[in-house]
Each structure stands twice: as structure tokens, then as C-alpha cells.
PDB file of N, CA and C in Angstrom:
ATOM      1  N   MET A   1     -12.520  -5.823   3.372  1.00  0.00           N
ATOM      2  CA  MET A   1     -12.461  -7.262   3.116  1.00  0.00           C
ATOM      3  C   MET A   1     -12.502  -7.386   1.674  1.00  0.00           C
ATOM      4  N   LEU A   2     -11.704  -8.323   1.178  1.00  0.00           N
ATOM      5  CA  LEU A   2     -11.803  -8.565  -0.319  1.00  0.00           C
ATOM      6  C   LEU A   2     -12.935  -9.713  -0.641  1.00  0.00           C
ATOM      7  N   ARG A   3     -13.675  -9.236  -1.850  1.00  0.00           N
ATOM      8  CA  ARG A   3     -14.968 -10.071  -2.014  1.00  0.00           C
ATOM      9  C   ARG A   3     -15.073 -11.175  -2.808  1.00  0.00           C
ATOM     10  N   SER A   4     -14.131 -11.201  -3.772  1.00  0.00           N
ATOM     11  CA  SER A   4     -14.010 -12.277  -4.650  1.00  0.00           C
ATOM     12  C   SER A   4     -12.642 -13.161  -4.612  1.00  0.00           C
ATOM     13  N   SER A   5     -12.239 -14.373  -5.253  1.00  0.00           N
ATOM     14  CA  SER A   5     -11.090 -14.940  -4.936  1.00  0.00           C
ATOM     15  C   SER A   5     -10.046 -14.459  -5.643  1.00  0.00           C
ATOM     16  N   GLN A   6     -10.337 -13.481  -6.647  1.00  0.00           N
ATOM     17  CA  GLN A   6      -9.233 -12.798  -7.192  1.00  0.00           C
ATOM     18  C   GLN A   6      -9.331 -11.229  -6.876  1.00  0.00           C
ATOM     19  N   ILE A   7      -8.229 -10.585  -7.011  1.00  0.00           N
ATOM     20  CA  ILE A   7      -8.178  -9.171  -6.832  1.00  0.00           C
ATOM     21  C   ILE A   7      -7.665  -8.570  -8.069  1.00  0.00           C
ATOM     22  N   SER A   8      -8.184  -7.374  -8.332  1.00  0.00           N
ATOM     23  CA  SER A   8      -7.644  -6.517  -9.336  1.00  0.00           C
ATOM     24  C   SER A   8      -6.206  -5.675  -9.001  1.00  0.00           C
ATOM     25  N   CYS A   9      -5.729  -5.268 -10.125  1.00  0.00           N
ATOM     26  CA  CYS A   9      -4.406  -4.361  -9.887  1.00  0.00           C
ATOM     27  C   CYS A   9      -4.748  -3.359  -9.059  1.00  0.00           C
ATOM     28  N   GLN A  10      -6.046  -2.494  -9.161  1.00  0.00           N
ATOM     29  CA  GLN A  10      -6.267  -1.569  -8.605  1.00  0.00           C
ATOM     30  C   GLN A  10      -6.400  -2.009  -7.019  1.00  0.00           C
ATOM     31  N   GLU A  11      -7.239  -2.898  -6.670  1.00  0.00           N
ATOM     32  CA  GLU A  11      -7.446  -3.533  -5.129  1.00  0.00           C
ATOM     33  C   GLU A  11      -5.886  -3.756  -4.757  1.00  0.00           C
ATOM     34  N   MET A  12      -4.989  -4.375  -5.400  1.00  0.00           N
ATOM     35  CA  MET A  12      -3.691  -4.670  -4.993  1.00  0.00           C
ATOM     36  C   MET A  12      -3.113  -3.386  -4.660  1.00  0.00           C
ATOM     37  N   VAL A  13      -3.155  -2.333  -5.416  1.00  0.00           N
ATOM     38  CA  VAL A  13      -2.331  -1.137  -4.896  1.00  0.00           C
ATOM     39  C   VAL A  13      -3.197  -0.330  -3.802  1.00  0.00           C
ATOM     40  N   GLU A  14      -4.176  -0.564  -3.599  1.00  0.00           N
ATOM     41  CA  GLU A  14      -4.890  -0.066  -2.252  1.00  0.00           C
ATOM     42  C   GLU A  14      -4.515  -0.816  -1.208  1.00  0.00           C
ATOM     43  N   LEU A  15      -4.107  -2.233  -1.186  1.00  0.00           N
ATOM     44  CA  LEU A  15      -3.720  -2.880  -0.274  1.00  0.00           C
ATOM     45  C   LEU A  15      -2.336  -3.120   0.061  1.00  0.00           C
ATOM     46  N   VAL A  16      -1.510  -2.449  -0.809  1.00  0.00           N
ATOM     47  CA  VAL A  16      -0.053  -2.870  -0.620  1.00  0.00           C
ATOM     48  C   VAL A  16       0.541  -2.275   0.639  1.00  0.00           C
ATOM     49  N   THR A  17       0.169  -1.087   1.159  1.00  0.00           N
ATOM     50  CA  THR A  17       0.797  -0.607   2.462  1.00  0.00           C
ATOM     51  C   THR A  17       0.317  -1.721   3.466  1.00  0.00           C
ATOM     52  N   ASP A  18      -1.043  -2.087   3.606  1.00  0.00           N
ATOM     53  CA  ASP A  18      -1.254  -3.179   4.563  1.00  0.00           C
ATOM     54  C   ASP A  18      -0.565  -4.469   4.397  1.00  0.00           C
ATOM     55  N   TYR A  19      -0.221  -4.609   3.174  1.00  0.00           N
ATOM     56  CA  TYR A  19       0.718  -6.012   2.901  1.00  0.00           C
ATOM     57  C   TYR A  19       2.073  -5.961   3.696  1.00  0.00           C
ATOM     58  N   LEU A  20       2.630  -4.716   3.149  1.00  0.00           N
ATOM     59  CA  LEU A  20       3.884  -4.606   3.681  1.00  0.00           C
ATOM     60  C   LEU A  20       3.949  -4.365   5.304  1.00  0.00           C
ATOM     61  N   ALA A  21       3.035  -3.864   5.806  1.00  0.00           N
ATOM     62  CA  ALA A  21       2.886  -3.733   7.152  1.00  0.00           C
ATOM     63  C   ALA A  21       2.742  -5.215   8.037  1.00  0.00           C
ATOM     64  N   GLY A  22       2.460  -5.830   7.122  1.00  0.00           N
ATOM     65  CA  GLY A  22       1.756  -7.436   7.680  1.00  0.00           C
ATOM     66  C   GLY A  22       0.472  -7.333   8.448  1.00  0.00           C
ATOM     67  N   SER A  23      -0.415  -6.297   7.889  1.00  0.00           N
ATOM     68  CA  SER A  23      -1.749  -6.409   8.633  1.00  0.00           C
ATOM     69  C   SER A  23      -2.719  -6.825   8.064  1.00  0.00           C
ATOM     70  N   LEU A  24      -2.574  -7.494   6.763  1.00  0.00           N
ATOM     71  CA  LEU A  24      -3.627  -8.193   6.126  1.00  0.00           C
ATOM     72  C   LEU A  24      -4.018  -9.311   6.796  1.00  0.00           C
ATOM     73  N   SER A  25      -5.483  -9.960   6.755  1.00  0.00           N
ATOM     74  CA  SER A  25      -5.820 -11.187   7.170  1.00  0.00           C
ATOM     75  C   SER A  25      -5.131 -12.146   6.422  1.00  0.00           C
ATOM     76  N   ARG A  26      -4.978 -13.292   7.080  1.00  0.00           N
ATOM     77  CA  ARG A  26      -4.362 -14.422   6.207  1.00  0.00           C
ATOM     78  C   ARG A  26      -4.899 -14.894   4.801  1.00  0.00           C
ATOM     79  N   ARG A  27      -6.223 -14.864   4.828  1.00  0.00           N
ATOM     80  CA  ARG A  27      -7.099 -14.998   3.737  1.00  0.00           C
ATOM     81  C   ARG A  27      -6.668 -13.672   2.406  1.00  0.00           C
ATOM     82  N   SER A  28      -6.557 -12.399   3.022  1.00  0.00           N
ATOM     83  CA  SER A  28      -6.298 -11.364   2.027  1.00  0.00           C
ATOM     84  C   SER A  28      -4.908 -11.599   1.660  1.00  0.00           C
ATOM     85  N   ARG A  29      -4.121 -11.992   2.467  1.00  0.00           N
ATOM     86  CA  ARG A  29      -2.559 -11.914   2.249  1.00  0.00           C
ATOM     87  C   ARG A  29      -2.375 -13.027   1.220  1.00  0.00           C
ATOM     88  N   ARG A  30      -2.994 -14.216   1.175  1.00  0.00           N
ATOM     89  CA  ARG A  30      -2.811 -15.404   0.214  1.00  0.00           C
ATOM     90  C   ARG A  30      -3.613 -14.838  -1.156  1.00  0.00           C
ATOM     91  N   ARG A  31      -4.661 -14.136  -1.055  1.00  0.00           N
ATOM     92  CA  ARG A  31      -5.392 -13.598  -2.439  1.00  0.00           C
ATOM     93  C   ARG A  31      -4.229 -12.579  -3.197  1.00  0.00           C
ATOM     94  N   PHE A  32      -3.573 -11.660  -2.130  1.00  0.00           N
ATOM     95  CA  PHE A  32      -2.661 -10.544  -2.585  1.00  0.00           C
ATOM     96  C   PHE A  32      -1.386 -11.407  -3.343  1.00  0.00           C
ATOM     97  N   GLU A  33      -1.156 -12.345  -2.540  1.00  0.00           N
ATOM     98  CA  GLU A  33       0.084 -13.096  -2.968  1.00  0.00           C
ATOM     99  C   GLU A  33      -0.197 -13.749  -4.425  1.00  0.00           C
ATOM    100  N   ARG A  34      -1.399 -14.402  -4.249  1.00  0.00           N
ATOM    101  CA  ARG A  34      -1.792 -15.171  -5.604  1.00  0.00           C
ATOM    102  C   ARG A  34      -1.759 -14.109  -6.816  1.00  0.00           C
ATOM    103  N   HIS A  35      -2.400 -12.893  -6.582  1.00  0.00           N
ATOM    104  CA  HIS A  35      -2.184 -11.925  -7.766  1.00  0.00           C
ATOM    105  C   HIS A  35      -0.696 -11.607  -8.154  1.00  0.00           C
ATOM    106  N   LEU A  36       0.024 -11.217  -7.225  1.00  0.00           N
ATOM    107  CA  LEU A  36       1.521 -11.048  -7.543  1.00  0.00           C
ATOM    108  C   LEU A  36       2.171 -12.231  -8.139  1.00  0.00           C
ATOM    109  N   ALA A  37       1.758 -13.413  -7.870  1.00  0.00           N
ATOM    110  CA  ALA A  37       2.310 -14.611  -8.741  1.00  0.00           C
ATOM    111  C   ALA A  37       2.236 -14.465 -10.027  1.00  0.00           C
ATOM    112  N   GLY A  38       1.073 -13.908 -10.460  1.00  0.00           N
ATOM    113  CA  GLY A  38       0.510 -13.866 -11.982  1.00  0.00           C
ATOM    114  C   GLY A  38       0.641 -12.481 -12.678  1.00  0.00           C
ATOM    115  N   CYS A  39       1.214 -11.556 -11.926  1.00  0.00           N
ATOM    116  CA  CYS A  39       1.170 -10.046 -12.419  1.00  0.00           C
ATOM    117  C   CYS A  39       2.504  -9.536 -12.249  1.00  0.00           C
ATOM    118  N   GLU A  40       3.349  -9.548 -13.279  1.00  0.00           N
ATOM    119  CA  GLU A  40       4.594  -8.917 -13.323  1.00  0.00           C
ATOM    120  C   GLU A  40       4.549  -7.388 -12.885  1.00  0.00           C
ATOM    121  N   GLY A  41       3.485  -6.717 -13.478  1.00  0.00           N
ATOM    122  CA  GLY A  41       3.551  -5.033 -13.296  1.00  0.00           C
ATOM    123  C   GLY A  41       3.318  -4.928 -11.521  1.00  0.00           C
ATOM    124  N   CYS A  42       2.455  -5.602 -10.976  1.00  0.00           N
ATOM    125  CA  CYS A  42       2.337  -5.404  -9.569  1.00  0.00           C
ATOM    126  C   CYS A  42       3.405  -5.983  -8.628  1.00  0.00           C
ATOM    127  N   THR A  43       4.032  -7.003  -9.209  1.00  0.00           N
ATOM    128  CA  THR A  43       5.172  -7.446  -8.563  1.00  0.00           C
ATOM    129  C   THR A  43       6.111  -6.340  -8.507  1.00  0.00           C
ATOM    130  N   THR A  44       6.467  -5.825  -9.605  1.00  0.00           N
ATOM    131  CA  THR A  44       7.542  -4.926  -9.822  1.00  0.00           C
ATOM    132  C   THR A  44       6.936  -3.600  -8.860  1.00  0.00           C
ATOM    133  N   TYR A  45       5.630  -3.245  -8.784  1.00  0.00           N
ATOM    134  CA  TYR A  45       5.284  -2.154  -8.296  1.00  0.00           C
ATOM    135  C   TYR A  45       5.609  -2.478  -6.643  1.00  0.00           C
ATOM    136  N   VAL A  46       5.247  -3.712  -5.877  1.00  0.00           N
ATOM    137  CA  VAL A  46       5.479  -4.028  -4.739  1.00  0.00           C
ATOM    138  C   VAL A  46       7.055  -4.044  -4.410  1.00  0.00           C
ATOM    139  N   GLU A  47       7.722  -4.402  -5.141  1.00  0.00           N
ATOM    140  CA  GLU A  47       9.204  -4.411  -5.099  1.00  0.00           C
ATOM    141  C   GLU A  47       9.894  -2.836  -4.896  1.00  0.00           C
ATOM    142  N   GLN A  48       9.206  -1.944  -5.745  1.00  0.00           N
ATOM    143  CA  GLN A  48       9.453  -0.414  -5.726  1.00  0.00           C
ATOM    144  C   GLN A  48       8.969   0.284  -4.452  1.00  0.00           C
ATOM    145  N   MET A  49       7.926  -0.350  -4.076  1.00  0.00           N
ATOM    146  CA  MET A  49       7.280   0.101  -2.626  1.00  0.00           C
ATOM    147  C   MET A  49       8.408  -0.237  -1.661  1.00  0.00           C
ATOM    148  N   ARG A  50       8.830  -1.548  -1.560  1.00  0.00           N
ATOM    149  CA  ARG A  50       9.673  -2.028  -0.572  1.00  0.00           C
ATOM    150  C   ARG A  50      11.191  -1.228  -0.607  1.00  0.00           C
ATOM    151  N   GLU A  51      11.477  -1.002  -1.825  1.00  0.00           N
ATOM    152  CA  GLU A  51      12.756  -0.168  -1.867  1.00  0.00           C
ATOM    153  C   GLU A  51      12.677   1.257  -1.354  1.00  0.00           C
ATOM    154  N   THR A  52      11.472   1.822  -1.760  1.00  0.00           N
ATOM    155  CA  THR A  52      11.159   3.247  -1.019  1.00  0.00           C
ATOM    156  C   THR A  52      11.049   3.155   0.312  1.00  0.00           C
ATOM    157  N   VAL A  53      10.392   2.364   0.905  1.00  0.00           N
ATOM    158  CA  VAL A  53      10.350   2.240   2.366  1.00  0.00           C
ATOM    159  C   VAL A  53      11.803   2.292   2.948  1.00  0.00           C
ATOM    160  N   ALA A  54      12.736   1.369   2.627  1.00  0.00           N
ATOM    161  CA  ALA A  54      13.796   0.875   3.007  1.00  0.00           C
ATOM    162  C   ALA A  54      14.736   2.243   2.758  1.00  0.00           C
ATOM    163  N   ALA A  55      14.621   2.840   1.634  1.00  0.00           N
ATOM    164  CA  ALA A  55      15.416   4.064   1.343  1.00  0.00           C
ATOM    165  C   ALA A  55      15.201   5.282   2.150  1.00  0.00           C
ATOM    166  N   LEU A  56      13.703   5.387   2.359  1.00  0.00           N
ATOM    167  CA  LEU A  56      13.311   6.510   3.167  1.00  0.00           C
ATOM    168  C   LEU A  56      13.369   6.225   4.670  1.00  0.00           C
ATOM    169  N   GLY A  57      13.045   5.048   5.363  1.00  0.00           N
ATOM    170  CA  GLY A  57      12.996   4.712   6.615  1.00  0.00           C
ATOM    171  C   GLY A  57      11.876   5.481   7.181  1.00  0.00           C
ATOM    172  N   ARG A  58      11.703   5.736   8.400  1.00  0.00           N
ATOM    173  CA  ARG A  58      10.570   6.577   9.024  1.00  0.00           C
ATOM    174  C   ARG A  58      11.000   7.839   9.283  1.00  0.00           C
ATOM    175  N   LEU A  59      10.081   8.662   8.813  1.00  0.00           N
ATOM    176  CA  LEU A  59      10.045  10.175   8.916  1.00  0.00           C
ATOM    177  C   LEU A  59       9.321  10.516  10.409  1.00  0.00           C
ATOM    178  N   PRO A  60       9.936  10.889  11.335  1.00  0.00           N
ATOM    179  CA  PRO A  60       9.256  11.242  12.623  1.00  0.00           C
ATOM    180  C   PRO A  60       8.375  12.382  12.412  1.00  0.00           C
ATOM    181  N   GLU A  61       7.138  12.270  12.928  1.00  0.00           N
ATOM    182  CA  GLU A  61       6.052  13.569  12.753  1.00  0.00           C
ATOM    183  C   GLU A  61       6.806  14.800  13.033  1.00  0.00           C
ATOM    184  N   GLU A  62       7.618  14.884  14.058  1.00  0.00           N
ATOM    185  CA  GLU A  62       8.281  16.195  14.591  1.00  0.00           C
ATOM    186  C   GLU A  62       8.933  16.713  13.576  1.00  0.00           C
ATOM    187  N   GLU A  63       9.495  15.968  12.567  1.00  0.00           N
ATOM    188  CA  GLU A  63      10.334  16.517  11.465  1.00  0.00           C
ATOM    189  C   GLU A  63       9.668  17.078  10.325  1.00  0.00           C
ATOM    190  N   ILE A  64       8.264  16.740  10.130  1.00  0.00           N
ATOM    191  CA  ILE A  64       7.506  17.244   9.035  1.00  0.00           C
ATOM    192  C   ILE A  64       7.278  18.756   9.333  1.00  0.00           C
ATOM    193  N   PRO A  65       7.472  19.456   8.261  1.00  0.00           N
ATOM    194  CA  PRO A  65       7.346  20.792   8.161  1.00  0.00           C
ATOM    195  C   PRO A  65       5.966  21.292   8.673  1.00  0.00           C
ATOM    196  N   PRO A  66       5.718  22.611   9.582  1.00  0.00           N
ATOM    197  CA  PRO A  66       4.506  23.027  10.080  1.00  0.00           C
ATOM    198  C   PRO A  66       3.607  23.087   8.843  1.00  0.00           C
ATOM    199  N   GLY A  67       2.347  22.738   8.836  1.00  0.00           N
ATOM    200  CA  GLY A  67       1.482  22.877   7.674  1.00  0.00           C
ATOM    201  C   GLY A  67       1.584  21.590   6.638  1.00  0.00           C
ATOM    202  N   ALA A  68       2.787  20.982   6.658  1.00  0.00           N
ATOM    203  CA  ALA A  68       2.779  20.116   5.559  1.00  0.00           C
ATOM    204  C   ALA A  68       1.919  18.714   5.920  1.00  0.00           C
ATOM    205  N   LEU A  69       1.932  18.617   7.291  1.00  0.00           N
ATOM    206  CA  LEU A  69       1.112  17.210   7.837  1.00  0.00           C
ATOM    207  C   LEU A  69      -0.314  17.546   7.489  1.00  0.00           C
ATOM    208  N   ASP A  70      -0.799  18.695   7.762  1.00  0.00           N
ATOM    209  CA  ASP A  70      -2.307  19.096   7.544  1.00  0.00           C
ATOM    210  C   ASP A  70      -2.364  19.088   5.823  1.00  0.00           C
ATOM    211  N   GLU A  71      -1.650  19.148   5.178  1.00  0.00           N
ATOM    212  CA  GLU A  71      -1.642  19.317   3.627  1.00  0.00           C
ATOM    213  C   GLU A  71      -1.711  17.766   3.264  1.00  0.00           C
ATOM    214  N   LEU A  72      -0.958  17.124   3.952  1.00  0.00           N
ATOM    215  CA  LEU A  72      -0.984  15.647   3.419  1.00  0.00           C
ATOM    216  C   LEU A  72      -2.157  15.030   3.953  1.00  0.00           C
ATOM    217  N   LEU A  73      -2.661  15.281   4.932  1.00  0.00           N
ATOM    218  CA  LEU A  73      -3.810  14.487   5.554  1.00  0.00           C
ATOM    219  C   LEU A  73      -5.205  14.837   4.741  1.00  0.00           C
ATOM    220  N   VAL A  74      -5.003  16.193   4.178  1.00  0.00           N
ATOM    221  CA  VAL A  74      -6.187  16.575   3.315  1.00  0.00           C
ATOM    222  C   VAL A  74      -6.008  15.887   1.907  1.00  0.00           C
ATOM    223  N   ALA A  75      -4.827  15.822   1.465  1.00  0.00           N
ATOM    224  CA  ALA A  75      -4.462  15.262   0.139  1.00  0.00           C
ATOM    225  C   ALA A  75      -4.985  13.574   0.138  1.00  0.00           C
ATOM    226  N   PHE A  76      -4.739  12.981   1.266  1.00  0.00           N
ATOM    227  CA  PHE A  76      -4.872  11.658   1.040  1.00  0.00           C
ATOM    228  C   PHE A  76      -6.119  11.161   1.919  1.00  0.00           C
ATOM    229  N   ARG A  77      -6.843  12.070   2.536  1.00  0.00           N
ATOM    230  CA  ARG A  77      -8.158  11.641   3.339  1.00  0.00           C
ATOM    231  C   ARG A  77      -9.091  10.876   2.311  1.00  0.00           C
ATOM    232  N   ASP A  78      -9.385  11.208   1.261  1.00  0.00           N
ATOM    233  CA  ASP A  78     -10.180  10.443   0.559  1.00  0.00           C
ATOM    234  C   ASP A  78      -9.731   9.748  -0.802  1.00  0.00           C
ATOM    235  N   TRP A  79      -8.588   9.342  -0.707  1.00  0.00           N
ATOM    236  CA  TRP A  79      -7.756   8.734  -1.852  1.00  0.00           C
ATOM    237  C   TRP A  79      -8.436   7.508  -2.345  1.00  0.00           C
ATOM    238  N   LYS A  80      -8.867   6.629  -1.260  1.00  0.00           N
ATOM    239  CA  LYS A  80      -9.431   5.333  -1.762  1.00  0.00           C
ATOM    240  C   LYS A  80     -10.929   5.551  -2.471  1.00  0.00           C
ATOM    241  N   ARG A  81     -11.654   6.748  -2.028  1.00  0.00           N
ATOM    242  CA  ARG A  81     -13.054   6.859  -2.795  1.00  0.00           C
ATOM    243  C   ARG A  81     -12.781   7.310  -4.062  1.00  0.00           C
ATOM    244  N   ALA A  82     -11.748   8.223  -4.435  1.00  0.00           N
ATOM    245  CA  ALA A  82     -11.618   8.646  -5.756  1.00  0.00           C
ATOM    246  C   ALA A  82     -11.782   7.393  -7.072  1.00  0.00           C
TER     247      ALA A  82
END
């Protein structure tokens, strides 16, 4: 949950996946969109993420090479804490 009425660019980056998936709360989504309205860099970032998702589509887990899934899980397990 977001603590203040404004979010930072770093918080926006951490929330972009939830935003694009439509899983933010109504309040968090409003705050996210307020940030985008005033931040050209983050607006560009969100557009790039949308384009990436559209270009790649969905990669079924079965198509991920053996071992790669485990490597990805290890690499991203603690990314928010870094």
C-alpha cells in the first residue's frame, strides 16, 4: 500500500506491473496516474512496458528452457528489497 498522497518514480516502477495488470486498488491507481500526469520520464517508461508486453505476448512456462525458470526466480526473488 502506498503511504503518502504522492509516489516517487521508484515506487511507480515497482507498481507498473500491477498497474498494467489492473490489480492496483482504486486509490493506488489514482495516485499512480497522478504521478504519470506530471512525470514525462515515467510516462515514457509505462509506454515502453506496454509495448514490450504487446510485442512479447505471453510466454508459456512450458517453453522456458530447463533451469532458466529457477534462475529467473532466484534473480527476481528479492528485487523489491534491493
